[in-house]
N, C-alpha and C. Protein backbone atom coordinates (compact mmCIF):
# COMPACT_ATOMS: atom_id res chain seq x y z
N MET A 1 0.85 -1.23 -0.10
CA MET A 1 0.12 0.08 0.04
C MET A 1 0.91 1.30 -0.05
N ILE A 2 0.49 2.21 -0.85
CA ILE A 2 1.32 3.40 -0.98
C ILE A 2 0.68 4.50 0.02
N HIS A 3 1.70 5.08 0.86
CA HIS A 3 1.29 6.12 1.81
C HIS A 3 1.88 7.39 1.47
N GLN A 4 1.61 8.47 2.16
CA GLN A 4 2.04 9.81 1.86
C GLN A 4 2.78 10.41 3.06
N PHE A 5 3.93 11.05 2.80
CA PHE A 5 4.49 11.79 3.88
C PHE A 5 4.60 13.27 3.48
N GLU A 6 4.04 14.15 4.15
CA GLU A 6 4.11 15.63 3.70
C GLU A 6 5.00 16.44 4.60
N LYS A 7 5.82 17.31 3.91
CA LYS A 7 6.66 18.25 4.65
C LYS A 7 6.86 19.47 3.81
N ASN A 8 6.61 20.67 4.51
CA ASN A 8 6.89 21.94 3.92
C ASN A 8 6.16 22.00 2.65
N GLY A 9 4.97 21.48 2.68
CA GLY A 9 4.01 21.57 1.35
C GLY A 9 4.38 20.80 0.32
N LYS A 10 5.27 19.79 0.48
CA LYS A 10 5.68 18.84 -0.53
C LYS A 10 5.20 17.39 -0.02
N ILE A 11 4.83 16.55 -0.96
CA ILE A 11 4.31 15.19 -0.72
C ILE A 11 5.30 14.07 -1.21
N LEU A 12 5.60 13.22 -0.39
CA LEU A 12 6.48 12.10 -0.85
C LEU A 12 5.66 10.84 -0.72
N ASN A 13 5.34 10.01 -1.81
CA ASN A 13 4.72 8.77 -1.79
C ASN A 13 5.83 7.67 -1.22
N TYR A 14 5.39 6.79 -0.34
CA TYR A 14 6.26 5.73 0.11
C TYR A 14 5.51 4.41 0.34
N GLN A 15 6.30 3.37 0.34
CA GLN A 15 5.64 2.09 0.60
C GLN A 15 6.71 1.30 1.52
N ILE A 16 6.19 0.55 2.45
CA ILE A 16 7.12 -0.24 3.39
C ILE A 16 6.78 -1.73 3.13
N GLN A 17 7.91 -2.47 2.69
CA GLN A 17 7.91 -3.90 2.65
C GLN A 17 8.74 -4.46 3.77
N ARG A 18 8.24 -5.45 4.54
CA ARG A 18 9.06 -6.15 5.56
C ARG A 18 9.48 -7.58 5.12
N LYS A 19 10.68 -7.81 5.16
CA LYS A 19 11.19 -9.07 4.70
C LYS A 19 12.17 -9.63 5.91
N ARG A 20 12.63 -10.85 5.69
CA ARG A 20 13.72 -11.48 6.51
C ARG A 20 15.09 -10.88 6.10
N ILE A 21 15.35 -9.71 6.37
CA ILE A 21 16.70 -9.09 6.00
C ILE A 21 17.16 -8.35 7.23
N LYS A 22 18.40 -8.10 7.29
CA LYS A 22 19.07 -7.39 8.46
C LYS A 22 18.98 -6.05 8.36
N ASN A 23 19.04 -5.30 7.23
CA ASN A 23 19.13 -3.87 7.07
C ASN A 23 17.87 -3.36 6.45
N THR A 24 17.94 -1.96 6.43
CA THR A 24 16.74 -1.25 5.83
C THR A 24 17.28 -0.48 4.63
N TYR A 25 16.46 -0.54 3.57
CA TYR A 25 17.04 0.10 2.26
C TYR A 25 15.81 1.02 1.77
N PHE A 26 16.33 2.17 1.26
CA PHE A 26 15.40 3.08 0.67
C PHE A 26 15.63 3.24 -0.87
N ARG A 27 14.67 2.92 -1.72
CA ARG A 27 14.97 2.96 -3.10
C ARG A 27 13.74 3.76 -3.86
N VAL A 28 14.15 4.36 -4.90
CA VAL A 28 13.09 4.93 -5.74
C VAL A 28 12.49 3.95 -6.79
N ARG A 29 11.17 3.78 -6.74
CA ARG A 29 10.45 2.90 -7.52
C ARG A 29 9.12 3.37 -8.02
N ASP A 30 9.00 3.57 -9.31
CA ASP A 30 7.71 3.80 -9.83
C ASP A 30 7.05 5.03 -9.21
N GLN A 31 7.71 6.16 -9.06
CA GLN A 31 7.25 7.32 -8.54
C GLN A 31 6.93 7.33 -7.05
N HIS A 32 7.49 6.39 -6.40
CA HIS A 32 7.41 6.32 -4.93
C HIS A 32 8.66 5.88 -4.33
N LEU A 33 8.74 6.00 -2.89
CA LEU A 33 9.97 5.57 -2.24
C LEU A 33 9.54 4.17 -1.77
N LEU A 34 10.38 3.21 -2.08
CA LEU A 34 10.27 1.80 -1.49
C LEU A 34 11.15 1.58 -0.39
N ILE A 35 10.68 1.39 0.82
CA ILE A 35 11.41 1.05 1.93
C ILE A 35 11.37 -0.41 2.22
N THR A 36 12.41 -1.22 2.08
CA THR A 36 12.45 -2.70 2.40
C THR A 36 13.22 -2.76 3.76
N THR A 37 12.51 -3.37 4.68
CA THR A 37 13.19 -3.46 6.07
C THR A 37 12.81 -4.79 6.67
N ASN A 38 13.29 -4.99 7.83
CA ASN A 38 13.04 -6.39 8.58
C ASN A 38 11.78 -6.09 9.40
N HIS A 39 11.43 -7.04 10.31
CA HIS A 39 10.14 -7.08 11.07
C HIS A 39 10.37 -6.38 12.37
N PHE A 40 11.63 -5.91 12.57
CA PHE A 40 11.97 -5.23 13.95
C PHE A 40 12.09 -3.78 13.88
N THR A 41 12.46 -3.29 12.73
CA THR A 41 12.52 -1.83 12.76
C THR A 41 11.18 -1.13 12.84
N SER A 42 11.03 -0.19 13.60
CA SER A 42 9.76 0.43 13.96
C SER A 42 9.53 1.45 12.84
N LYS A 43 8.16 1.65 12.60
CA LYS A 43 7.63 2.62 11.71
C LYS A 43 8.13 3.94 12.11
N GLU A 44 8.24 4.32 13.37
CA GLU A 44 8.69 5.55 13.93
C GLU A 44 10.11 5.86 13.43
N THR A 45 10.91 4.80 13.53
CA THR A 45 12.38 4.97 13.17
C THR A 45 12.55 5.33 11.63
N ILE A 46 11.53 4.66 10.83
CA ILE A 46 11.65 4.82 9.41
C ILE A 46 11.13 6.32 9.07
N MET A 47 10.04 6.77 9.76
CA MET A 47 9.39 8.05 9.54
C MET A 47 10.52 9.08 9.82
N ASN A 48 11.23 8.99 10.92
CA ASN A 48 12.20 9.94 11.38
C ASN A 48 13.34 10.01 10.36
N TYR A 49 13.66 8.85 9.88
CA TYR A 49 14.86 8.95 8.81
C TYR A 49 14.33 9.56 7.52
N ILE A 50 12.99 9.30 7.12
CA ILE A 50 12.44 10.03 5.81
C ILE A 50 12.37 11.52 6.23
N ASP A 51 12.03 11.91 7.47
CA ASP A 51 11.87 13.28 7.74
C ASP A 51 13.32 14.03 7.56
N GLN A 52 14.35 13.26 8.10
CA GLN A 52 15.65 13.82 8.14
C GLN A 52 16.20 14.03 6.65
N LYS A 53 15.95 13.05 5.71
CA LYS A 53 16.37 12.96 4.46
C LYS A 53 15.36 13.37 3.37
N PHE A 54 14.35 14.03 3.79
CA PHE A 54 13.11 14.36 2.83
C PHE A 54 13.59 14.88 1.61
N ASP A 55 14.29 16.09 1.70
CA ASP A 55 14.64 16.79 0.41
C ASP A 55 15.52 15.94 -0.41
N HIS A 56 16.37 15.04 0.08
CA HIS A 56 17.08 14.23 -0.73
C HIS A 56 16.26 13.22 -1.48
N PHE A 57 15.21 12.61 -0.89
CA PHE A 57 14.26 11.64 -1.37
C PHE A 57 13.33 12.27 -2.30
N HIS A 58 12.92 13.46 -2.02
CA HIS A 58 12.16 14.24 -2.98
C HIS A 58 12.75 14.65 -4.30
N ARG A 59 14.07 14.93 -4.12
CA ARG A 59 14.85 15.33 -5.43
C ARG A 59 14.95 14.02 -6.28
N LYS A 60 15.27 12.99 -5.64
CA LYS A 60 15.40 11.71 -6.52
C LYS A 60 14.21 11.26 -7.21
N LEU A 61 13.04 11.53 -6.49
CA LEU A 61 11.82 11.13 -7.07
C LEU A 61 11.43 11.93 -8.25
N GLU A 62 11.78 13.42 -8.10
CA GLU A 62 11.44 14.26 -9.20
C GLU A 62 12.39 13.88 -10.38
N SER A 63 13.54 13.58 -10.08
CA SER A 63 14.50 13.19 -11.25
C SER A 63 14.01 11.91 -11.99
N ALA A 64 13.43 10.99 -11.14
CA ALA A 64 12.94 9.71 -11.72
C ALA A 64 11.67 9.98 -12.59
N CYS A 65 10.98 11.02 -12.46
CA CYS A 65 9.80 11.27 -13.05
C CYS A 65 10.10 11.91 -14.49
N ILE A 66 11.34 12.22 -14.75
CA ILE A 66 11.73 12.81 -15.98
C ILE A 66 11.93 11.57 -16.94
N ILE A 67 11.06 11.52 -17.95
CA ILE A 67 11.03 10.35 -18.89
C ILE A 67 11.84 10.79 -20.09
N GLU A 68 12.75 9.93 -20.46
CA GLU A 68 13.66 10.14 -21.71
C GLU A 68 12.81 9.59 -22.81
N ARG A 69 12.71 10.22 -23.90
CA ARG A 69 12.05 9.79 -25.11
C ARG A 69 12.74 8.60 -25.73
N ASP A 70 11.93 7.80 -26.46
CA ASP A 70 12.74 6.61 -27.16
C ASP A 70 13.69 7.03 -28.18
N ASP A 71 13.50 8.26 -28.66
CA ASP A 71 14.37 8.72 -29.86
C ASP A 71 15.40 9.64 -29.32
N GLU A 72 15.79 9.55 -27.90
CA GLU A 72 16.78 10.12 -27.29
C GLU A 72 17.71 9.30 -26.51
N ILE A 73 19.05 9.66 -26.32
CA ILE A 73 19.86 8.88 -25.49
C ILE A 73 20.99 9.81 -25.01
N MET A 74 21.39 9.57 -23.84
CA MET A 74 22.54 10.31 -23.27
C MET A 74 23.68 9.42 -23.06
N LEU A 75 24.82 9.87 -23.56
CA LEU A 75 26.02 9.08 -23.32
C LEU A 75 27.27 10.05 -22.86
N TRP A 76 27.79 9.65 -21.79
CA TRP A 76 28.93 10.59 -21.11
C TRP A 76 28.45 11.99 -21.04
N ASP A 77 27.22 12.21 -20.45
CA ASP A 77 26.74 13.57 -20.21
C ASP A 77 26.45 14.44 -21.54
N ILE A 78 26.22 13.72 -22.69
CA ILE A 78 26.00 14.43 -23.92
C ILE A 78 24.71 13.72 -24.42
N HIS A 79 23.73 14.62 -24.77
CA HIS A 79 22.45 14.20 -25.44
C HIS A 79 22.63 14.02 -26.91
N TYR A 80 21.95 12.87 -27.44
CA TYR A 80 22.01 12.41 -28.76
C TYR A 80 20.69 12.21 -29.25
N GLN A 81 20.39 12.34 -30.45
CA GLN A 81 19.19 11.66 -31.14
C GLN A 81 19.51 10.25 -31.34
N LEU A 82 18.53 9.37 -30.95
CA LEU A 82 18.70 7.88 -31.18
C LEU A 82 17.97 7.39 -32.51
N ILE A 83 18.62 6.68 -33.33
CA ILE A 83 17.95 6.21 -34.57
C ILE A 83 18.19 4.86 -34.49
N VAL A 84 17.01 3.95 -34.51
CA VAL A 84 17.12 2.49 -34.41
C VAL A 84 16.71 1.92 -35.69
N LEU A 85 17.51 1.00 -36.18
CA LEU A 85 17.38 0.42 -37.54
C LEU A 85 17.61 -1.17 -37.20
N LYS A 86 16.91 -1.95 -38.09
CA LYS A 86 16.94 -3.39 -37.87
C LYS A 86 18.28 -4.01 -38.31
N GLY A 87 18.93 -4.88 -37.57
CA GLY A 87 20.01 -5.55 -37.95
C GLY A 87 20.79 -6.04 -36.80
N LYS A 88 21.93 -6.75 -37.15
CA LYS A 88 22.83 -7.26 -36.05
C LYS A 88 23.30 -6.04 -35.23
N PHE A 89 23.40 -6.26 -33.86
CA PHE A 89 23.77 -5.17 -32.99
C PHE A 89 25.07 -4.60 -33.35
N ARG A 90 25.08 -3.23 -33.62
CA ARG A 90 26.19 -2.31 -33.61
C ARG A 90 25.63 -0.86 -33.76
N TYR A 91 26.42 0.00 -33.45
CA TYR A 91 25.99 1.38 -33.42
C TYR A 91 27.19 2.31 -33.77
N ASP A 92 26.86 3.52 -34.28
CA ASP A 92 27.78 4.52 -34.54
C ASP A 92 27.37 5.75 -34.04
N ILE A 93 28.25 6.64 -33.51
CA ILE A 93 28.11 7.93 -32.89
C ILE A 93 28.45 8.92 -33.79
N ASP A 94 27.51 9.73 -34.26
CA ASP A 94 27.79 10.94 -34.98
C ASP A 94 27.86 12.28 -34.10
N ILE A 95 27.87 13.27 -34.74
CA ILE A 95 27.93 14.55 -33.99
C ILE A 95 26.86 14.78 -32.92
N ASP A 96 25.65 14.46 -33.35
CA ASP A 96 24.53 14.75 -32.47
C ASP A 96 23.65 13.56 -32.54
N ARG A 97 23.94 12.44 -33.01
CA ARG A 97 23.14 11.30 -33.02
C ARG A 97 23.76 10.05 -32.98
N VAL A 98 23.01 8.90 -32.44
CA VAL A 98 23.49 7.69 -32.39
C VAL A 98 22.63 6.81 -33.25
N ILE A 99 23.29 6.10 -34.25
CA ILE A 99 22.54 5.20 -35.06
C ILE A 99 22.91 3.77 -34.69
N VAL A 100 21.90 3.08 -34.27
CA VAL A 100 21.99 1.77 -33.70
C VAL A 100 21.31 0.73 -34.41
N TYR A 101 21.91 -0.45 -34.77
CA TYR A 101 21.25 -1.48 -35.49
C TYR A 101 20.97 -2.71 -34.32
N SER A 102 19.76 -3.17 -34.37
CA SER A 102 19.43 -4.10 -33.38
C SER A 102 18.10 -4.78 -33.87
N ASN A 103 18.08 -6.17 -33.57
CA ASN A 103 16.87 -7.00 -33.80
C ASN A 103 15.93 -6.84 -32.65
N LEU A 104 16.25 -6.17 -31.56
CA LEU A 104 15.36 -6.18 -30.51
C LEU A 104 14.31 -5.04 -30.70
N ASP A 105 13.26 -5.29 -30.07
CA ASP A 105 12.11 -4.13 -30.15
C ASP A 105 12.09 -3.32 -29.02
N ASP A 106 12.63 -3.76 -27.92
CA ASP A 106 12.66 -3.09 -26.66
C ASP A 106 13.67 -1.98 -26.59
N ILE A 107 13.23 -0.74 -26.65
CA ILE A 107 14.23 0.45 -26.75
C ILE A 107 15.01 0.51 -25.48
N LYS A 108 14.40 0.24 -24.24
CA LYS A 108 15.23 0.35 -23.08
C LYS A 108 16.39 -0.75 -23.10
N LYS A 109 16.11 -1.83 -23.62
CA LYS A 109 17.11 -2.94 -23.56
C LYS A 109 18.21 -2.55 -24.63
N ILE A 110 17.84 -1.96 -25.77
CA ILE A 110 18.80 -1.46 -26.82
C ILE A 110 19.71 -0.44 -26.11
N LYS A 111 19.15 0.51 -25.43
CA LYS A 111 19.86 1.65 -24.67
C LYS A 111 20.91 0.88 -23.73
N GLN A 112 20.36 -0.16 -22.93
CA GLN A 112 21.21 -0.78 -22.07
C GLN A 112 22.49 -1.42 -22.60
N LEU A 113 22.26 -2.01 -23.90
CA LEU A 113 23.34 -2.64 -24.55
C LEU A 113 24.39 -1.65 -24.94
N ILE A 114 23.91 -0.43 -25.44
CA ILE A 114 24.73 0.58 -25.75
C ILE A 114 25.66 1.03 -24.47
N TYR A 115 24.86 1.22 -23.51
CA TYR A 115 25.57 1.66 -22.16
C TYR A 115 26.71 0.65 -21.73
N LYS A 116 26.34 -0.70 -21.86
CA LYS A 116 27.31 -1.63 -21.52
C LYS A 116 28.60 -1.55 -22.41
N ASN A 117 28.29 -1.47 -23.60
CA ASN A 117 29.42 -1.34 -24.73
C ASN A 117 30.30 -0.18 -24.40
N GLU A 118 29.62 1.03 -24.18
CA GLU A 118 30.36 2.29 -23.94
C GLU A 118 31.27 2.29 -22.66
N LEU A 119 30.65 1.50 -21.57
CA LEU A 119 31.33 1.40 -20.41
C LEU A 119 32.61 0.52 -20.48
N ASN A 120 32.54 -0.54 -21.24
CA ASN A 120 33.59 -1.35 -21.50
C ASN A 120 34.69 -0.73 -22.33
N ASN A 121 34.20 0.00 -23.33
CA ASN A 121 35.27 0.78 -24.02
C ASN A 121 35.99 1.84 -23.12
N ARG A 122 35.28 2.54 -22.34
CA ARG A 122 35.83 3.50 -21.48
C ARG A 122 36.84 2.92 -20.49
N LEU A 123 36.51 1.59 -19.95
CA LEU A 123 37.39 1.00 -19.00
C LEU A 123 38.63 0.65 -19.62
N GLN A 124 38.71 0.23 -20.82
CA GLN A 124 40.00 -0.01 -21.58
C GLN A 124 40.74 1.18 -21.70
N ILE A 125 40.07 2.29 -21.86
CA ILE A 125 40.89 3.61 -22.03
C ILE A 125 41.47 3.83 -20.64
N MET A 126 40.74 3.62 -19.66
CA MET A 126 41.24 4.08 -18.30
C MET A 126 42.27 3.14 -17.74
N GLU A 127 42.33 1.94 -18.29
CA GLU A 127 43.01 0.78 -17.67
C GLU A 127 44.39 1.12 -17.12
N SER A 128 45.29 1.68 -17.93
CA SER A 128 46.70 1.95 -17.44
C SER A 128 46.87 3.00 -16.32
N SER A 129 46.05 4.03 -16.50
CA SER A 129 46.01 5.05 -15.36
C SER A 129 45.52 4.43 -14.03
N ILE A 130 44.45 3.71 -14.04
CA ILE A 130 43.99 3.08 -12.83
C ILE A 130 45.09 2.10 -12.34
N GLU A 131 45.49 1.19 -13.17
CA GLU A 131 46.46 0.23 -12.66
C GLU A 131 47.71 0.92 -11.99
N GLU A 132 48.07 1.98 -12.57
CA GLU A 132 49.27 2.62 -11.98
C GLU A 132 48.95 3.10 -10.53
N LYS A 133 47.82 3.65 -10.39
CA LYS A 133 47.56 4.19 -9.01
C LYS A 133 47.30 2.92 -8.04
N LEU A 134 46.66 1.89 -8.46
CA LEU A 134 46.47 0.70 -7.70
C LEU A 134 47.87 0.14 -7.17
N ARG A 135 48.83 0.05 -8.09
CA ARG A 135 50.14 -0.40 -7.72
C ARG A 135 50.83 0.38 -6.64
N ASN A 136 50.57 1.70 -6.64
CA ASN A 136 51.14 2.54 -5.67
C ASN A 136 50.56 2.34 -4.25
N HIS A 137 49.34 1.53 -4.19
CA HIS A 137 48.69 1.26 -2.85
C HIS A 137 48.67 -0.28 -2.66
N GLY A 138 49.52 -1.05 -3.44
CA GLY A 138 49.60 -2.47 -3.13
C GLY A 138 48.43 -3.16 -3.68
N LEU A 139 47.74 -2.80 -4.56
CA LEU A 139 46.52 -3.47 -5.18
C LEU A 139 46.72 -3.83 -6.57
N THR A 140 46.23 -4.98 -6.92
CA THR A 140 46.16 -5.64 -8.26
C THR A 140 44.73 -5.28 -8.83
N PRO A 141 44.73 -5.29 -10.25
CA PRO A 141 43.45 -5.06 -10.89
C PRO A 141 42.46 -6.36 -10.53
N LEU A 142 41.24 -5.93 -10.39
CA LEU A 142 40.12 -6.90 -10.17
C LEU A 142 39.28 -6.97 -11.45
N ASP A 143 38.58 -8.08 -11.68
CA ASP A 143 37.61 -8.23 -12.86
C ASP A 143 36.54 -7.37 -12.61
N TYR A 144 35.96 -6.90 -13.63
CA TYR A 144 34.72 -6.09 -13.62
C TYR A 144 33.52 -6.84 -14.13
N LYS A 145 32.44 -6.63 -13.48
CA LYS A 145 31.10 -7.19 -14.05
C LYS A 145 30.30 -5.98 -14.31
N LEU A 146 29.81 -5.85 -15.52
CA LEU A 146 29.00 -4.67 -16.04
C LEU A 146 27.60 -5.19 -16.08
N LYS A 147 26.69 -4.35 -15.20
CA LYS A 147 25.29 -4.76 -15.20
C LYS A 147 24.46 -3.51 -14.94
N TYR A 148 23.22 -3.41 -15.51
CA TYR A 148 22.47 -2.34 -15.26
C TYR A 148 21.81 -2.67 -13.94
N LEU A 149 21.96 -1.71 -12.99
CA LEU A 149 21.49 -1.90 -11.57
C LEU A 149 20.37 -0.78 -11.33
N LYS A 150 19.46 -1.08 -10.50
CA LYS A 150 18.32 0.05 -10.20
C LYS A 150 18.51 0.83 -8.95
N SER A 151 19.65 0.37 -8.13
CA SER A 151 19.59 1.10 -6.90
C SER A 151 21.05 1.45 -6.36
N LYS A 152 22.12 1.12 -7.10
CA LYS A 152 23.42 1.52 -6.77
C LYS A 152 24.28 1.66 -8.03
N PHE A 153 25.32 2.35 -7.84
CA PHE A 153 26.23 2.66 -9.05
C PHE A 153 27.46 1.63 -9.10
N GLY A 154 27.70 0.92 -7.90
CA GLY A 154 28.74 -0.04 -8.03
C GLY A 154 28.81 -0.81 -6.71
N SER A 155 29.57 -1.95 -6.71
CA SER A 155 29.74 -2.62 -5.56
C SER A 155 30.94 -3.64 -5.59
N TYR A 156 31.58 -3.82 -4.54
CA TYR A 156 32.69 -4.74 -4.39
C TYR A 156 32.27 -6.06 -3.73
N HIS A 157 32.67 -7.20 -4.37
CA HIS A 157 32.30 -8.55 -3.87
C HIS A 157 33.56 -9.17 -3.30
N ARG A 158 33.56 -9.20 -2.02
CA ARG A 158 34.83 -9.65 -1.35
C ARG A 158 35.00 -11.18 -1.59
N LYS A 159 33.95 -12.03 -1.60
CA LYS A 159 34.24 -13.53 -1.80
C LYS A 159 34.70 -13.72 -3.15
N HIS A 160 34.10 -13.09 -4.28
CA HIS A 160 34.55 -13.30 -5.57
C HIS A 160 35.78 -12.44 -6.14
N ARG A 161 36.19 -11.43 -5.26
CA ARG A 161 37.18 -10.46 -5.71
C ARG A 161 36.99 -9.88 -7.08
N GLU A 162 35.73 -9.23 -7.03
CA GLU A 162 35.37 -8.58 -8.30
C GLU A 162 34.40 -7.34 -8.02
N ILE A 163 34.58 -6.41 -8.95
CA ILE A 163 33.77 -5.11 -8.83
C ILE A 163 32.68 -5.07 -9.84
N THR A 164 31.41 -4.86 -9.38
CA THR A 164 30.33 -4.73 -10.30
C THR A 164 30.03 -3.26 -10.60
N LEU A 165 29.99 -2.85 -11.78
CA LEU A 165 29.63 -1.46 -12.17
C LEU A 165 28.35 -1.37 -12.86
N ASN A 166 27.64 -0.35 -12.47
CA ASN A 166 26.36 -0.01 -13.13
C ASN A 166 26.65 0.56 -14.46
N THR A 167 26.06 -0.06 -15.51
CA THR A 167 26.24 0.53 -16.94
C THR A 167 25.58 1.84 -17.11
N PHE A 168 24.79 2.19 -16.09
CA PHE A 168 24.01 3.49 -16.13
C PHE A 168 25.10 4.65 -16.07
N LEU A 169 26.22 4.24 -15.64
CA LEU A 169 27.35 5.30 -15.48
C LEU A 169 27.75 5.77 -16.86
N ALA A 170 27.52 5.13 -17.95
CA ALA A 170 27.79 5.53 -19.24
C ALA A 170 26.99 6.72 -19.67
N ARG A 171 25.91 7.11 -18.91
CA ARG A 171 25.14 8.23 -19.22
C ARG A 171 25.72 9.54 -18.56
N LEU A 172 26.62 9.39 -17.68
CA LEU A 172 27.14 10.45 -16.90
C LEU A 172 28.50 10.81 -17.36
N ASN A 173 28.90 12.02 -16.82
CA ASN A 173 30.33 12.49 -17.01
C ASN A 173 31.27 11.49 -16.59
N PRO A 174 32.35 11.06 -17.41
CA PRO A 174 33.22 10.04 -17.01
C PRO A 174 33.82 10.12 -15.64
N ILE A 175 33.94 11.31 -15.06
CA ILE A 175 34.51 11.44 -13.82
C ILE A 175 33.77 10.68 -12.64
N TYR A 176 32.57 10.38 -12.85
CA TYR A 176 31.69 9.67 -11.97
C TYR A 176 32.01 8.23 -12.04
N LEU A 177 32.38 7.66 -13.26
CA LEU A 177 32.89 6.39 -13.22
C LEU A 177 34.18 6.15 -12.52
N THR A 178 35.14 7.15 -12.71
CA THR A 178 36.35 7.05 -12.00
C THR A 178 36.12 7.04 -10.51
N TYR A 179 35.22 7.90 -10.07
CA TYR A 179 35.01 7.91 -8.62
C TYR A 179 34.43 6.62 -8.06
N VAL A 180 33.56 5.93 -8.84
CA VAL A 180 32.83 4.66 -8.43
C VAL A 180 33.95 3.58 -8.38
N ILE A 181 34.92 3.47 -9.41
CA ILE A 181 36.02 2.63 -9.46
C ILE A 181 36.80 2.69 -8.19
N TYR A 182 37.25 3.93 -7.86
CA TYR A 182 38.14 3.99 -6.77
C TYR A 182 37.46 3.72 -5.42
N HIS A 183 36.17 4.14 -5.36
CA HIS A 183 35.48 3.76 -4.20
C HIS A 183 35.36 2.28 -3.88
N GLU A 184 35.12 1.53 -4.93
CA GLU A 184 35.03 0.01 -4.81
C GLU A 184 36.34 -0.47 -4.57
N TYR A 185 37.43 0.05 -5.19
CA TYR A 185 38.76 -0.52 -4.94
C TYR A 185 39.22 -0.21 -3.34
N ALA A 186 38.77 0.84 -2.95
CA ALA A 186 39.02 1.16 -1.53
C ALA A 186 38.40 0.15 -0.60
N HIS A 187 37.30 -0.41 -1.03
CA HIS A 187 36.68 -1.46 -0.24
C HIS A 187 37.43 -2.71 -0.23
N ALA A 188 38.20 -2.83 -1.24
CA ALA A 188 39.09 -4.13 -1.37
C ALA A 188 40.10 -4.18 -0.20
N LEU A 189 40.53 -3.04 0.43
CA LEU A 189 41.27 -2.93 1.54
C LEU A 189 40.53 -2.68 2.87
N ILE A 190 39.52 -1.79 2.68
CA ILE A 190 38.80 -1.52 3.96
C ILE A 190 37.25 -1.64 3.62
N PHE A 191 36.57 -2.73 4.04
CA PHE A 191 35.36 -3.11 3.73
C PHE A 191 34.22 -2.20 4.17
N ASN A 192 34.43 -1.45 5.30
CA ASN A 192 33.39 -0.67 5.68
C ASN A 192 33.59 0.74 5.28
N HIS A 193 32.79 1.79 5.73
CA HIS A 193 32.76 3.14 5.49
C HIS A 193 33.40 3.98 6.71
N SER A 194 34.50 3.40 7.23
CA SER A 194 35.04 4.05 8.31
C SER A 194 35.90 5.23 7.91
N LYS A 195 36.50 5.94 8.87
CA LYS A 195 37.33 7.16 8.61
C LYS A 195 38.55 6.69 7.88
N ASP A 196 39.13 5.46 8.16
CA ASP A 196 40.22 4.90 7.32
C ASP A 196 39.90 4.70 5.90
N PHE A 197 38.63 4.33 5.72
CA PHE A 197 38.20 4.07 4.25
C PHE A 197 38.19 5.38 3.59
N TYR A 198 37.66 6.51 4.00
CA TYR A 198 37.63 7.63 3.37
C TYR A 198 39.00 8.32 3.26
N ASN A 199 39.88 8.09 4.24
CA ASN A 199 41.33 8.55 4.04
C ASN A 199 41.97 7.91 2.79
N LEU A 200 41.70 6.57 2.71
CA LEU A 200 42.30 5.92 1.65
C LEU A 200 41.73 6.41 0.33
N LEU A 201 40.42 6.52 0.26
CA LEU A 201 39.66 7.02 -0.99
C LEU A 201 40.26 8.47 -1.31
N SER A 202 40.66 9.24 -0.36
CA SER A 202 41.22 10.54 -0.73
C SER A 202 42.52 10.48 -1.28
N LYS A 203 43.23 9.37 -1.02
CA LYS A 203 44.52 9.26 -1.65
C LYS A 203 44.41 8.88 -3.13
N PHE A 204 43.36 7.93 -3.37
CA PHE A 204 42.95 7.68 -4.79
C PHE A 204 42.51 8.88 -5.52
N MET A 205 41.69 9.63 -4.94
CA MET A 205 40.93 10.71 -5.53
C MET A 205 40.66 11.86 -4.51
N PRO A 206 41.51 12.85 -4.39
CA PRO A 206 41.53 13.85 -3.44
C PRO A 206 40.09 14.56 -3.30
N ASN A 207 39.47 14.69 -4.51
CA ASN A 207 38.31 15.55 -4.49
C ASN A 207 37.00 14.66 -4.61
N HIS A 208 37.16 13.44 -4.15
CA HIS A 208 36.01 12.51 -4.24
C HIS A 208 34.72 13.01 -3.65
N LYS A 209 34.77 13.81 -2.63
CA LYS A 209 33.60 14.16 -1.94
C LYS A 209 32.58 14.93 -2.81
N VAL A 210 33.06 15.76 -3.74
CA VAL A 210 32.28 16.40 -4.68
C VAL A 210 31.53 15.54 -5.50
N TYR A 211 32.00 14.45 -6.07
CA TYR A 211 31.36 13.47 -6.90
C TYR A 211 30.40 12.53 -6.09
N GLN A 212 30.87 12.15 -4.86
CA GLN A 212 29.98 11.31 -4.04
C GLN A 212 28.69 12.09 -3.83
N LYS A 213 28.80 13.42 -3.45
CA LYS A 213 27.61 14.21 -3.16
C LYS A 213 26.74 14.33 -4.46
N ASP A 214 27.31 14.51 -5.63
CA ASP A 214 26.56 14.69 -6.78
C ASP A 214 25.78 13.42 -7.07
N LEU A 215 26.40 12.17 -6.92
CA LEU A 215 25.65 10.89 -7.22
C LEU A 215 24.58 10.70 -6.33
N ARG A 216 24.53 11.27 -5.16
CA ARG A 216 23.48 10.94 -4.22
C ARG A 216 22.20 11.69 -4.74
N LYS A 217 22.41 12.75 -5.76
CA LYS A 217 21.26 13.52 -6.24
C LYS A 217 20.87 13.00 -7.52
N ILE A 218 21.40 11.98 -8.11
CA ILE A 218 21.10 11.39 -9.47
C ILE A 218 20.34 10.09 -9.23
N ALA A 219 19.13 10.14 -9.78
CA ALA A 219 18.30 8.90 -9.80
C ALA A 219 18.56 7.95 -10.98
N ILE A 220 18.67 6.77 -10.75
CA ILE A 220 18.84 5.88 -11.80
C ILE A 220 17.48 5.52 -12.56
N ILE A 221 17.49 5.78 -13.75
CA ILE A 221 16.20 5.65 -14.53
C ILE A 221 16.27 4.48 -15.57
């Protein structure tokens, strides 16, 4: 059931789902805030957190309501006209348009294929500079898994020793991809978000706080 939280004349729609999980997660879903939590976290605790983060959640919901047209695509913070033709998957980027060949009918999936390919190409370009900085901190390159995620920009998997990157990053300025990569590599040494973690991240990317703050305002669509 969808409920409403009102503050300063603004309304935020939310839904609470309780599952057998340890933590509480807040995600933007279909023009409302989906809160997934356990059976022990009180509603009062959840409401207090929404109240504290109201403006942040409201901005993300507003961003999620902006629908991109099927004949548009954003790559690396640049808007293009998207032209889809039938054929085996490939695409060309012109000055102001992307011409893609695909046998798929789902425009969203076609865009996601482009994002994945663009991200893979960008990683190859960045490879040498990333590896050099990793060596300076005693780290070796990890495998990347590229996947379109709905709730996060990246994650580090300690068990498999790999980093998952959200292909949605191909829509943003490349500096955000750089930030997410270093953020996840920092987790390879320090798994939590302690002071030591952020000190290490500052060595990888001294101005990381700027990009971290920006990403919190960006809704994944």
